Amino acid sequence: MAVYKRRVRVAAPLDEVWEFYSRIEGLKALTPEWMGLSVEAVRGPDGEANPDVLDTGTEIRMAMQPLGVAPKQRWTSVVVGREEGDSSPWFRDEMIGGPFPRWVHTHEFYGDGDETVVSDTVEYELPGGELGRRASPLGRVGFEPMFRYRHRKTKQLLE
């Protein structure tokens, strides 16, 4: 399985950055417009529609249509782990239905004075069976612009 990692330092306190990323509005704000994201449904672990916080067990159904012309892709992600700590909270979501055979995204946050380090780690496998597994390390070419945008937008919105 391939792994993609990226970090950014944000001149904003940990609690503000953590709160922003803990809500569906954060996901929407950090997704580039050209990806054509639509969040179709969010269900909390207790079945509640549109919960305030993306807690362990929250299910997010989404669709994307990059550039408005590519075929629409739907997927479902579930928050499979979440831990709030004083200086290093994290949460992890896993795609349970969608275009990737494997997609596990760990979001980690580290407080450093009045700043926060945001770290994204994605373990993934591209579609296409054995050929996709062999080509998976090349996925970073597609992920880099998206995560560069997400980190730049995080700084723009929170600093």
N, C-alpha and C. Protein backbone atom coordinates (compact mmCIF):
# COMPACT_ATOMS: atom_id res chain seq x y z
N MET A 1 0.84 -1.18 0.00
CA MET A 1 0.00 0.00 0.00
C MET A 1 0.89 1.24 0.00
N ALA A 2 0.47 2.25 -0.75
CA ALA A 2 1.23 3.50 -0.85
C ALA A 2 0.80 4.45 0.27
N VAL A 3 1.69 5.37 0.60
CA VAL A 3 1.42 6.35 1.65
C VAL A 3 1.79 7.74 1.12
N TYR A 4 0.89 8.69 1.34
CA TYR A 4 1.14 10.09 1.00
C TYR A 4 1.12 10.89 2.29
N LYS A 5 2.10 11.79 2.48
CA LYS A 5 2.15 12.62 3.69
C LYS A 5 2.40 14.06 3.31
N ARG A 6 1.78 14.95 4.08
CA ARG A 6 2.03 16.39 3.89
C ARG A 6 1.73 17.10 5.20
N ARG A 7 2.53 18.12 5.51
CA ARG A 7 2.36 18.91 6.74
C ARG A 7 2.36 20.38 6.41
N VAL A 8 1.72 21.13 7.32
CA VAL A 8 1.75 22.58 7.19
C VAL A 8 1.72 23.18 8.60
N ARG A 9 2.39 24.30 8.76
CA ARG A 9 2.36 25.04 10.03
C ARG A 9 1.41 26.22 9.84
N VAL A 10 0.46 26.34 10.77
CA VAL A 10 -0.58 27.37 10.69
C VAL A 10 -0.42 28.29 11.90
N ALA A 11 -0.39 29.59 11.64
CA ALA A 11 -0.27 30.57 12.73
C ALA A 11 -1.65 30.80 13.35
N ALA A 12 -2.14 29.74 14.01
CA ALA A 12 -3.43 29.79 14.71
C ALA A 12 -3.37 28.78 15.84
N PRO A 13 -4.07 29.04 16.94
CA PRO A 13 -4.04 28.13 18.08
C PRO A 13 -4.64 26.76 17.76
N LEU A 14 -4.13 25.74 18.41
CA LEU A 14 -4.56 24.37 18.21
C LEU A 14 -6.07 24.21 18.35
N ASP A 15 -6.67 24.79 19.37
CA ASP A 15 -8.11 24.59 19.58
C ASP A 15 -8.94 25.12 18.42
N GLU A 16 -8.53 26.23 17.80
CA GLU A 16 -9.26 26.78 16.66
C GLU A 16 -9.12 25.89 15.43
N VAL A 17 -7.90 25.40 15.18
CA VAL A 17 -7.65 24.55 14.02
C VAL A 17 -8.40 23.23 14.19
N TRP A 18 -8.32 22.65 15.38
CA TRP A 18 -9.00 21.38 15.67
C TRP A 18 -10.52 21.52 15.48
N GLU A 19 -11.09 22.60 16.00
CA GLU A 19 -12.53 22.80 15.87
C GLU A 19 -12.93 22.93 14.41
N PHE A 20 -12.15 23.67 13.62
CA PHE A 20 -12.43 23.86 12.20
C PHE A 20 -12.45 22.52 11.46
N TYR A 21 -11.46 21.69 11.70
CA TYR A 21 -11.36 20.39 11.02
C TYR A 21 -12.38 19.38 11.55
N SER A 22 -12.94 19.62 12.71
CA SER A 22 -13.87 18.68 13.33
C SER A 22 -15.30 18.82 12.82
N ARG A 23 -15.53 19.72 11.89
CA ARG A 23 -16.88 19.98 11.39
C ARG A 23 -16.95 19.77 9.88
N ILE A 24 -18.11 19.40 9.39
CA ILE A 24 -18.27 19.16 7.95
C ILE A 24 -18.01 20.44 7.16
N GLU A 25 -18.28 21.60 7.76
CA GLU A 25 -18.01 22.86 7.07
C GLU A 25 -16.52 23.01 6.74
N GLY A 26 -15.67 22.46 7.61
CA GLY A 26 -14.23 22.50 7.33
C GLY A 26 -13.89 21.71 6.08
N LEU A 27 -14.45 20.51 5.96
CA LEU A 27 -14.21 19.69 4.76
C LEU A 27 -14.67 20.43 3.51
N LYS A 28 -15.84 21.01 3.57
CA LYS A 28 -16.37 21.74 2.40
C LYS A 28 -15.47 22.93 2.05
N ALA A 29 -15.03 23.67 3.06
CA ALA A 29 -14.21 24.85 2.82
C ALA A 29 -12.84 24.50 2.26
N LEU A 30 -12.34 23.31 2.57
CA LEU A 30 -10.98 22.94 2.16
C LEU A 30 -10.92 22.13 0.87
N THR A 31 -12.05 21.90 0.25
CA THR A 31 -12.06 21.14 -1.00
C THR A 31 -12.07 22.12 -2.17
N PRO A 32 -11.11 21.99 -3.07
CA PRO A 32 -11.05 22.91 -4.21
C PRO A 32 -12.35 22.88 -5.01
N GLU A 33 -12.80 24.05 -5.45
CA GLU A 33 -14.04 24.15 -6.21
C GLU A 33 -14.02 23.27 -7.46
N TRP A 34 -12.86 23.18 -8.11
CA TRP A 34 -12.76 22.43 -9.35
C TRP A 34 -13.05 20.94 -9.15
N MET A 35 -13.05 20.47 -7.89
CA MET A 35 -13.34 19.05 -7.64
C MET A 35 -14.84 18.78 -7.64
N GLY A 36 -15.66 19.81 -7.58
CA GLY A 36 -17.11 19.64 -7.67
C GLY A 36 -17.68 18.78 -6.55
N LEU A 37 -17.26 19.04 -5.31
CA LEU A 37 -17.72 18.24 -4.17
C LEU A 37 -19.16 18.58 -3.79
N SER A 38 -19.93 17.54 -3.53
CA SER A 38 -21.23 17.74 -2.89
C SER A 38 -21.34 16.71 -1.77
N VAL A 39 -21.67 17.21 -0.58
CA VAL A 39 -21.90 16.33 0.56
C VAL A 39 -23.37 15.96 0.52
N GLU A 40 -23.65 14.69 0.30
CA GLU A 40 -25.02 14.24 0.14
C GLU A 40 -25.70 13.93 1.47
N ALA A 41 -24.94 13.46 2.44
CA ALA A 41 -25.52 13.16 3.75
C ALA A 41 -24.42 13.00 4.78
N VAL A 42 -24.71 13.42 6.00
CA VAL A 42 -23.81 13.21 7.13
C VAL A 42 -24.66 12.64 8.26
N ARG A 43 -24.25 11.50 8.80
CA ARG A 43 -24.96 10.85 9.90
C ARG A 43 -23.99 10.60 11.03
N GLY A 44 -24.37 11.07 12.21
CA GLY A 44 -23.56 10.85 13.39
C GLY A 44 -23.62 9.41 13.85
N PRO A 45 -22.80 9.03 14.81
CA PRO A 45 -22.76 7.64 15.28
C PRO A 45 -24.09 7.17 15.86
N ASP A 46 -24.91 8.09 16.32
CA ASP A 46 -26.22 7.72 16.88
C ASP A 46 -27.34 7.85 15.84
N GLY A 47 -26.98 8.09 14.57
CA GLY A 47 -27.96 8.23 13.50
C GLY A 47 -28.43 9.65 13.27
N GLU A 48 -27.97 10.58 14.11
CA GLU A 48 -28.37 11.98 13.99
C GLU A 48 -27.90 12.56 12.66
N ALA A 49 -28.79 13.24 11.95
CA ALA A 49 -28.43 13.90 10.70
C ALA A 49 -27.65 15.17 11.00
N ASN A 50 -26.62 15.41 10.23
CA ASN A 50 -25.83 16.64 10.30
C ASN A 50 -25.34 16.98 11.71
N PRO A 51 -24.58 16.08 12.34
CA PRO A 51 -24.07 16.37 13.68
C PRO A 51 -23.10 17.54 13.65
N ASP A 52 -22.97 18.20 14.81
CA ASP A 52 -22.07 19.34 14.91
C ASP A 52 -20.61 18.95 14.76
N VAL A 53 -20.25 17.75 15.25
CA VAL A 53 -18.86 17.30 15.26
C VAL A 53 -18.75 15.96 14.53
N LEU A 54 -17.68 15.82 13.76
CA LEU A 54 -17.41 14.56 13.06
C LEU A 54 -16.74 13.60 14.05
N ASP A 55 -17.57 12.92 14.83
CA ASP A 55 -17.10 12.02 15.88
C ASP A 55 -16.89 10.62 15.34
N THR A 56 -16.24 9.76 16.11
CA THR A 56 -16.06 8.36 15.71
C THR A 56 -17.41 7.75 15.39
N GLY A 57 -17.51 7.13 14.23
CA GLY A 57 -18.75 6.52 13.79
C GLY A 57 -19.55 7.38 12.84
N THR A 58 -19.17 8.64 12.67
CA THR A 58 -19.87 9.52 11.73
C THR A 58 -19.63 9.03 10.31
N GLU A 59 -20.70 8.99 9.53
CA GLU A 59 -20.63 8.55 8.14
C GLU A 59 -20.93 9.74 7.23
N ILE A 60 -20.07 9.92 6.22
CA ILE A 60 -20.21 11.05 5.29
C ILE A 60 -20.34 10.48 3.88
N ARG A 61 -21.46 10.76 3.24
CA ARG A 61 -21.66 10.35 1.85
C ARG A 61 -21.44 11.57 0.96
N MET A 62 -20.55 11.41 -0.02
CA MET A 62 -20.16 12.52 -0.88
C MET A 62 -20.18 12.11 -2.34
N ALA A 63 -20.15 13.11 -3.19
CA ALA A 63 -19.97 12.90 -4.62
C ALA A 63 -19.05 14.00 -5.13
N MET A 64 -18.28 13.66 -6.15
CA MET A 64 -17.40 14.63 -6.79
C MET A 64 -17.52 14.48 -8.29
N GLN A 65 -17.43 15.61 -8.94
CA GLN A 65 -17.39 15.62 -10.40
C GLN A 65 -16.32 16.63 -10.81
N PRO A 66 -15.04 16.19 -10.83
CA PRO A 66 -13.94 17.10 -11.14
C PRO A 66 -14.16 17.85 -12.45
N LEU A 67 -13.94 19.15 -12.37
CA LEU A 67 -14.06 20.07 -13.50
C LEU A 67 -15.46 20.11 -14.10
N GLY A 68 -16.43 19.47 -13.43
CA GLY A 68 -17.80 19.47 -13.91
C GLY A 68 -18.06 18.62 -15.13
N VAL A 69 -17.03 17.93 -15.61
CA VAL A 69 -17.18 17.13 -16.83
C VAL A 69 -16.81 15.66 -16.61
N ALA A 70 -15.97 15.41 -15.66
CA ALA A 70 -15.56 14.02 -15.40
C ALA A 70 -16.77 13.25 -14.87
N PRO A 71 -16.76 11.94 -14.98
CA PRO A 71 -17.88 11.16 -14.42
C PRO A 71 -18.00 11.41 -12.92
N LYS A 72 -19.23 11.53 -12.46
CA LYS A 72 -19.47 11.75 -11.03
C LYS A 72 -19.06 10.50 -10.27
N GLN A 73 -18.29 10.70 -9.21
CA GLN A 73 -17.85 9.59 -8.36
C GLN A 73 -18.45 9.78 -6.98
N ARG A 74 -19.04 8.71 -6.46
CA ARG A 74 -19.63 8.75 -5.12
C ARG A 74 -18.80 7.88 -4.20
N TRP A 75 -18.76 8.31 -2.93
CA TRP A 75 -18.13 7.46 -1.94
C TRP A 75 -18.65 7.77 -0.55
N THR A 76 -18.38 6.85 0.33
CA THR A 76 -18.77 7.01 1.73
C THR A 76 -17.52 6.86 2.58
N SER A 77 -17.33 7.80 3.48
CA SER A 77 -16.23 7.73 4.45
C SER A 77 -16.82 7.65 5.85
N VAL A 78 -16.13 6.94 6.71
CA VAL A 78 -16.54 6.82 8.11
C VAL A 78 -15.37 7.26 8.99
N VAL A 79 -15.67 8.07 9.99
CA VAL A 79 -14.64 8.43 10.98
C VAL A 79 -14.47 7.19 11.86
N VAL A 80 -13.30 6.56 11.75
CA VAL A 80 -13.06 5.29 12.45
C VAL A 80 -12.29 5.48 13.75
N GLY A 81 -11.77 6.67 14.00
CA GLY A 81 -11.06 6.94 15.24
C GLY A 81 -10.93 8.43 15.45
N ARG A 82 -10.96 8.82 16.71
CA ARG A 82 -10.83 10.24 17.04
C ARG A 82 -10.38 10.34 18.48
N GLU A 83 -9.35 11.14 18.69
CA GLU A 83 -8.85 11.32 20.05
C GLU A 83 -8.49 12.78 20.25
N GLU A 84 -9.12 13.36 21.26
CA GLU A 84 -8.80 14.74 21.60
C GLU A 84 -7.77 14.71 22.71
N GLY A 85 -6.67 15.39 22.49
CA GLY A 85 -5.64 15.48 23.51
C GLY A 85 -5.28 16.93 23.73
N ASP A 86 -4.53 17.19 24.78
CA ASP A 86 -4.15 18.57 25.08
C ASP A 86 -3.29 19.20 23.99
N SER A 87 -2.37 18.41 23.43
CA SER A 87 -1.46 19.02 22.46
C SER A 87 -1.36 18.24 21.15
N SER A 88 -2.06 17.11 21.01
CA SER A 88 -1.94 16.35 19.76
C SER A 88 -3.19 15.54 19.43
N PRO A 89 -4.32 16.20 19.21
CA PRO A 89 -5.52 15.47 18.81
C PRO A 89 -5.39 14.93 17.39
N TRP A 90 -6.21 13.94 17.07
CA TRP A 90 -6.20 13.37 15.73
C TRP A 90 -7.55 12.73 15.45
N PHE A 91 -7.82 12.53 14.16
CA PHE A 91 -8.94 11.68 13.77
C PHE A 91 -8.60 11.00 12.46
N ARG A 92 -9.29 9.90 12.21
CA ARG A 92 -9.00 9.07 11.03
C ARG A 92 -10.32 8.72 10.36
N ASP A 93 -10.34 8.90 9.04
CA ASP A 93 -11.51 8.47 8.28
C ASP A 93 -11.08 7.44 7.24
N GLU A 94 -12.01 6.55 6.95
CA GLU A 94 -11.73 5.47 6.02
C GLU A 94 -12.85 5.40 4.98
N MET A 95 -12.47 5.28 3.71
CA MET A 95 -13.44 5.13 2.65
C MET A 95 -13.98 3.71 2.70
N ILE A 96 -15.31 3.58 2.81
CA ILE A 96 -15.89 2.23 2.86
C ILE A 96 -16.64 1.90 1.57
N GLY A 97 -16.75 2.85 0.71
CA GLY A 97 -17.36 2.63 -0.59
C GLY A 97 -16.97 3.77 -1.49
N GLY A 98 -16.35 3.48 -2.61
CA GLY A 98 -15.93 4.55 -3.50
C GLY A 98 -14.89 4.09 -4.49
N PRO A 99 -14.23 5.03 -5.14
CA PRO A 99 -13.34 4.69 -6.24
C PRO A 99 -12.02 4.03 -5.84
N PHE A 100 -11.59 4.17 -4.59
CA PHE A 100 -10.32 3.58 -4.16
C PHE A 100 -10.58 2.28 -3.40
N PRO A 101 -9.85 1.22 -3.72
CA PRO A 101 -9.99 0.00 -2.94
C PRO A 101 -9.57 0.20 -1.48
N ARG A 102 -8.65 1.15 -1.25
CA ARG A 102 -8.20 1.45 0.11
C ARG A 102 -7.89 2.93 0.20
N TRP A 103 -8.45 3.57 1.23
CA TRP A 103 -8.20 5.00 1.49
C TRP A 103 -8.41 5.22 2.97
N VAL A 104 -7.33 5.45 3.69
CA VAL A 104 -7.39 5.75 5.12
C VAL A 104 -6.63 7.05 5.32
N HIS A 105 -7.34 8.07 5.82
CA HIS A 105 -6.76 9.41 5.97
C HIS A 105 -6.69 9.75 7.45
N THR A 106 -5.47 9.94 7.94
CA THR A 106 -5.25 10.33 9.33
C THR A 106 -4.88 11.80 9.37
N HIS A 107 -5.65 12.56 10.16
CA HIS A 107 -5.45 13.99 10.35
C HIS A 107 -4.87 14.17 11.75
N GLU A 108 -3.65 14.71 11.85
CA GLU A 108 -3.02 14.92 13.16
C GLU A 108 -2.73 16.40 13.34
N PHE A 109 -2.85 16.85 14.58
CA PHE A 109 -2.67 18.26 14.92
C PHE A 109 -1.75 18.36 16.12
N TYR A 110 -0.74 19.23 16.02
CA TYR A 110 0.22 19.40 17.11
C TYR A 110 0.29 20.88 17.48
N GLY A 111 -0.01 21.17 18.73
CA GLY A 111 0.09 22.54 19.21
C GLY A 111 1.54 22.90 19.45
N ASP A 112 1.93 24.10 19.01
CA ASP A 112 3.28 24.61 19.21
C ASP A 112 3.16 26.09 19.53
N GLY A 113 2.93 26.39 20.81
CA GLY A 113 2.71 27.78 21.22
C GLY A 113 1.41 28.28 20.61
N ASP A 114 1.48 29.40 19.90
CA ASP A 114 0.29 29.97 19.25
C ASP A 114 0.10 29.43 17.84
N GLU A 115 0.85 28.41 17.48
CA GLU A 115 0.76 27.83 16.14
C GLU A 115 0.34 26.36 16.23
N THR A 116 -0.05 25.83 15.09
CA THR A 116 -0.47 24.44 15.00
C THR A 116 0.17 23.81 13.76
N VAL A 117 0.67 22.60 13.92
CA VAL A 117 1.15 21.83 12.79
C VAL A 117 0.03 20.85 12.42
N VAL A 118 -0.39 20.91 11.16
CA VAL A 118 -1.41 20.01 10.64
C VAL A 118 -0.69 18.98 9.78
N SER A 119 -0.94 17.70 10.07
CA SER A 119 -0.28 16.62 9.34
C SER A 119 -1.33 15.69 8.75
N ASP A 120 -1.24 15.47 7.45
CA ASP A 120 -2.13 14.54 6.75
C ASP A 120 -1.33 13.33 6.31
N THR A 121 -1.84 12.15 6.60
CA THR A 121 -1.25 10.90 6.12
C THR A 121 -2.36 10.10 5.46
N VAL A 122 -2.17 9.74 4.20
CA VAL A 122 -3.15 8.95 3.47
C VAL A 122 -2.50 7.64 3.06
N GLU A 123 -3.10 6.54 3.50
CA GLU A 123 -2.71 5.21 3.05
C GLU A 123 -3.73 4.82 1.99
N TYR A 124 -3.28 4.47 0.80
CA TYR A 124 -4.22 4.28 -0.29
C TYR A 124 -3.74 3.22 -1.28
N GLU A 125 -4.69 2.81 -2.09
CA GLU A 125 -4.42 1.92 -3.20
C GLU A 125 -5.28 2.40 -4.36
N LEU A 126 -4.69 2.58 -5.52
CA LEU A 126 -5.43 3.00 -6.70
C LEU A 126 -6.27 1.84 -7.23
N PRO A 127 -7.37 2.16 -7.92
CA PRO A 127 -8.18 1.09 -8.52
C PRO A 127 -7.43 0.41 -9.66
N GLY A 128 -7.90 -0.75 -10.06
CA GLY A 128 -7.30 -1.43 -11.20
C GLY A 128 -6.59 -2.72 -10.84
N GLY A 129 -6.90 -3.27 -9.67
CA GLY A 129 -6.30 -4.55 -9.30
C GLY A 129 -4.79 -4.47 -9.15
N GLU A 130 -4.12 -5.46 -9.67
CA GLU A 130 -2.66 -5.53 -9.52
C GLU A 130 -1.97 -4.34 -10.18
N LEU A 131 -2.45 -3.92 -11.33
CA LEU A 131 -1.87 -2.77 -12.02
C LEU A 131 -2.02 -1.51 -11.16
N GLY A 132 -3.20 -1.32 -10.55
CA GLY A 132 -3.43 -0.18 -9.66
C GLY A 132 -2.51 -0.22 -8.46
N ARG A 133 -2.33 -1.41 -7.89
CA ARG A 133 -1.42 -1.53 -6.73
C ARG A 133 0.00 -1.14 -7.11
N ARG A 134 0.43 -1.57 -8.28
CA ARG A 134 1.79 -1.24 -8.72
C ARG A 134 1.94 0.25 -9.03
N ALA A 135 0.88 0.87 -9.53
CA ALA A 135 0.93 2.29 -9.90
C ALA A 135 0.62 3.21 -8.71
N SER A 136 0.18 2.67 -7.58
CA SER A 136 -0.25 3.50 -6.45
C SER A 136 0.75 4.56 -6.02
N PRO A 137 2.06 4.28 -6.00
CA PRO A 137 2.98 5.35 -5.60
C PRO A 137 2.87 6.60 -6.48
N LEU A 138 2.37 6.47 -7.70
CA LEU A 138 2.22 7.62 -8.59
C LEU A 138 1.01 8.48 -8.21
N GLY A 139 0.17 7.99 -7.31
CA GLY A 139 -1.00 8.73 -6.87
C GLY A 139 -0.66 10.08 -6.28
N ARG A 140 0.53 10.20 -5.73
CA ARG A 140 0.93 11.45 -5.11
C ARG A 140 0.90 12.61 -6.11
N VAL A 141 1.07 12.31 -7.39
CA VAL A 141 1.01 13.35 -8.42
C VAL A 141 -0.37 14.01 -8.42
N GLY A 142 -1.42 13.23 -8.21
CA GLY A 142 -2.76 13.78 -8.15
C GLY A 142 -3.11 14.36 -6.79
N PHE A 143 -2.54 13.79 -5.73
CA PHE A 143 -2.88 14.24 -4.38
C PHE A 143 -2.21 15.56 -4.02
N GLU A 144 -1.02 15.79 -4.52
CA GLU A 144 -0.25 16.97 -4.13
C GLU A 144 -0.99 18.27 -4.39
N PRO A 145 -1.58 18.50 -5.58
CA PRO A 145 -2.29 19.77 -5.77
C PRO A 145 -3.48 19.92 -4.80
N MET A 146 -4.19 18.84 -4.53
CA MET A 146 -5.34 18.92 -3.63
C MET A 146 -4.91 19.26 -2.21
N PHE A 147 -3.88 18.57 -1.70
CA PHE A 147 -3.45 18.84 -0.33
C PHE A 147 -2.71 20.17 -0.22
N ARG A 148 -2.00 20.58 -1.25
CA ARG A 148 -1.38 21.90 -1.24
C ARG A 148 -2.47 22.96 -1.13
N TYR A 149 -3.55 22.79 -1.88
CA TYR A 149 -4.69 23.71 -1.81
C TYR A 149 -5.29 23.70 -0.40
N ARG A 150 -5.55 22.51 0.15
CA ARG A 150 -6.15 22.40 1.49
C ARG A 150 -5.31 23.13 2.53
N HIS A 151 -4.01 22.96 2.47
CA HIS A 151 -3.14 23.59 3.47
C HIS A 151 -3.06 25.10 3.27
N ARG A 152 -3.00 25.53 2.02
CA ARG A 152 -2.99 26.97 1.74
C ARG A 152 -4.30 27.61 2.21
N LYS A 153 -5.42 26.92 1.96
CA LYS A 153 -6.74 27.42 2.36
C LYS A 153 -6.87 27.44 3.89
N THR A 154 -6.31 26.44 4.57
CA THR A 154 -6.32 26.42 6.04
C THR A 154 -5.64 27.68 6.57
N LYS A 155 -4.48 27.99 6.03
CA LYS A 155 -3.76 29.18 6.46
C LYS A 155 -4.57 30.45 6.16
N GLN A 156 -5.15 30.51 4.98
CA GLN A 156 -5.93 31.69 4.58
C GLN A 156 -7.13 31.90 5.52
N LEU A 157 -7.82 30.84 5.89
CA LEU A 157 -9.03 30.96 6.69
C LEU A 157 -8.77 31.12 8.18
N LEU A 158 -7.64 30.59 8.68
CA LEU A 158 -7.43 30.57 10.13
C LEU A 158 -6.35 31.50 10.64
N GLU A 159 -5.47 31.97 9.79
CA GLU A 159 -4.41 32.85 10.27
C GLU A 159 -4.91 34.29 10.37
